[in-house]
């Protein structure tokens, strides 16, 4: 649980990818902004698979981790 300012939305894309953005269309999952560790915890619990109702592959999660890490550096 966190305030909306501390969360980013991850959306499943056609072709198995993931995209980050609050206004992107489609089914989404919310994760902590700037925290790749939050993505790790969600991956261990299979939270993305459940929330997005699809199989999320490791390479797509790696891209999300990279985006969140970059956002964290920009915010600092």
C-alpha atoms as a PDB file:
ATOM      1  CA  UNK A   1       0.000   0.000   0.000  1.00  0.00           C
ATOM      2  CA  UNK A   2       1.311   3.408  -0.978  1.00  0.00           C
ATOM      3  CA  UNK A   3       0.071   6.802  -2.080  1.00  0.00           C
ATOM      4  CA  UNK A   4      -0.660   7.251  -5.804  1.00  0.00           C
ATOM      5  CA  UNK A   5       2.433   9.448  -6.184  1.00  0.00           C
ATOM      6  CA  UNK A   6       4.613   6.517  -5.101  1.00  0.00           C
ATOM      7  CA  UNK A   7       3.176   4.043  -7.639  1.00  0.00           C
ATOM      8  CA  UNK A   8       3.529   3.403 -11.363  1.00  0.00           C
ATOM      9  CA  UNK A   9       1.241   1.357 -13.562  1.00  0.00           C
ATOM     10  CA  UNK A  10       2.568  -1.553 -15.614  1.00  0.00           C
ATOM     11  CA  UNK A  11       0.462  -2.721 -18.562  1.00  0.00           C
ATOM     12  CA  UNK A  12       0.671  -5.891 -20.662  1.00  0.00           C
ATOM     13  CA  UNK A  13       1.423  -5.183 -24.323  1.00  0.00           C
ATOM     14  CA  UNK A  14       0.578  -7.336 -27.338  1.00  0.00           C
ATOM     15  CA  UNK A  15       3.455  -9.701 -28.020  1.00  0.00           C
ATOM     16  CA  UNK A  16       4.268 -10.344 -24.380  1.00  0.00           C
ATOM     17  CA  UNK A  17       5.972  -7.067 -23.460  1.00  0.00           C
ATOM     18  CA  UNK A  18       5.207  -4.688 -20.637  1.00  0.00           C
ATOM     19  CA  UNK A  19       4.871  -0.907 -20.676  1.00  0.00           C
ATOM     20  CA  UNK A  20       4.982   1.620 -17.848  1.00  0.00           C
ATOM     21  CA  UNK A  21       2.501   4.487 -17.752  1.00  0.00           C
ATOM     22  CA  UNK A  22      -0.612   5.607 -15.892  1.00  0.00           C
ATOM     23  CA  UNK A  23      -2.639   6.394 -19.012  1.00  0.00           C
ATOM     24  CA  UNK A  24      -1.799   3.353 -21.134  1.00  0.00           C
ATOM     25  CA  UNK A  25      -4.839   1.327 -22.133  1.00  0.00           C
ATOM     26  CA  UNK A  26      -5.440  -2.206 -20.971  1.00  0.00           C
ATOM     27  CA  UNK A  27      -5.188  -4.286 -17.876  1.00  0.00           C
ATOM     28  CA  UNK A  28      -2.623  -2.965 -15.433  1.00  0.00           C
ATOM     29  CA  UNK A  29      -0.750  -3.672 -12.230  1.00  0.00           C
ATOM     30  CA  UNK A  30       0.598  -1.079  -9.802  1.00  0.00           C
ATOM     31  CA  UNK A  31       4.146  -1.240  -8.388  1.00  0.00           C
ATOM     32  CA  UNK A  32       6.358   1.035  -6.314  1.00  0.00           C
ATOM     33  CA  UNK A  33       7.946   3.806  -8.372  1.00  0.00           C
ATOM     34  CA  UNK A  34      11.744   3.734  -8.502  1.00  0.00           C
ATOM     35  CA  UNK A  35      11.997   0.353  -6.789  1.00  0.00           C
ATOM     36  CA  UNK A  36      13.281  -2.632  -8.749  1.00  0.00           C
ATOM     37  CA  UNK A  37      13.038  -4.608  -5.465  1.00  0.00           C
ATOM     38  CA  UNK A  38       9.258  -4.149  -5.584  1.00  0.00           C
ATOM     39  CA  UNK A  39       9.260  -5.787  -9.034  1.00  0.00           C
ATOM     40  CA  UNK A  40      11.353  -8.652  -7.635  1.00  0.00           C
ATOM     41  CA  UNK A  41       8.839  -9.257  -4.848  1.00  0.00           C
ATOM     42  CA  UNK A  42       5.915  -9.163  -7.295  1.00  0.00           C
ATOM     43  CA  UNK A  43       7.720 -11.615  -9.582  1.00  0.00           C
ATOM     44  CA  UNK A  44       8.321 -14.079  -6.731  1.00  0.00           C
ATOM     45  CA  UNK A  45       4.626 -13.969  -5.821  1.00  0.00           C
ATOM     46  CA  UNK A  46       3.536 -14.227  -9.506  1.00  0.00           C
ATOM     47  CA  UNK A  47       1.569 -11.015  -8.904  1.00  0.00           C
ATOM     48  CA  UNK A  48       2.060  -9.724 -12.459  1.00  0.00           C
ATOM     49  CA  UNK A  49       0.732 -12.949 -13.961  1.00  0.00           C
ATOM     50  CA  UNK A  50      -2.387 -12.757 -11.778  1.00  0.00           C
ATOM     51  CA  UNK A  51      -3.027  -9.025 -12.164  1.00  0.00           C
ATOM     52  CA  UNK A  52      -2.424  -8.931 -15.910  1.00  0.00           C
ATOM     53  CA  UNK A  53      -4.057 -12.334 -16.514  1.00  0.00           C
ATOM     54  CA  UNK A  54      -1.201 -13.442 -18.761  1.00  0.00           C
ATOM     55  CA  UNK A  55       2.203 -15.067 -18.475  1.00  0.00           C
ATOM     56  CA  UNK A  56       4.870 -12.426 -17.934  1.00  0.00           C
ATOM     57  CA  UNK A  57       8.352 -13.465 -19.022  1.00  0.00           C
ATOM     58  CA  UNK A  58      11.601 -12.539 -17.303  1.00  0.00           C
ATOM     59  CA  UNK A  59      12.894 -10.357 -20.141  1.00  0.00           C
ATOM     60  CA  UNK A  60       9.790  -8.140 -19.899  1.00  0.00           C
ATOM     61  CA  UNK A  61      10.315  -7.774 -16.146  1.00  0.00           C
ATOM     62  CA  UNK A  62      13.977  -6.904 -16.728  1.00  0.00           C
ATOM     63  CA  UNK A  63      12.843  -4.015 -18.935  1.00  0.00           C
ATOM     64  CA  UNK A  64      10.465  -2.794 -16.222  1.00  0.00           C
ATOM     65  CA  UNK A  65      13.257  -2.990 -13.621  1.00  0.00           C
ATOM     66  CA  UNK A  66      15.479  -0.890 -15.886  1.00  0.00           C
ATOM     67  CA  UNK A  67      12.758   1.730 -16.409  1.00  0.00           C
ATOM     68  CA  UNK A  68      12.042   1.958 -12.678  1.00  0.00           C
ATOM     69  CA  UNK A  69      15.738   2.188 -11.806  1.00  0.00           C
ATOM     70  CA  UNK A  70      16.177   5.037 -14.295  1.00  0.00           C
ATOM     71  CA  UNK A  71      13.143   6.835 -12.909  1.00  0.00           C
ATOM     72  CA  UNK A  72      14.574   6.452  -9.404  1.00  0.00           C
ATOM     73  CA  UNK A  73      17.839   8.059 -10.498  1.00  0.00           C
ATOM     74  CA  UNK A  74      15.990  10.938 -12.169  1.00  0.00           C
ATOM     75  CA  UNK A  75      13.916  11.597  -9.044  1.00  0.00           C
ATOM     76  CA  UNK A  76      16.990  11.664  -6.783  1.00  0.00           C
END
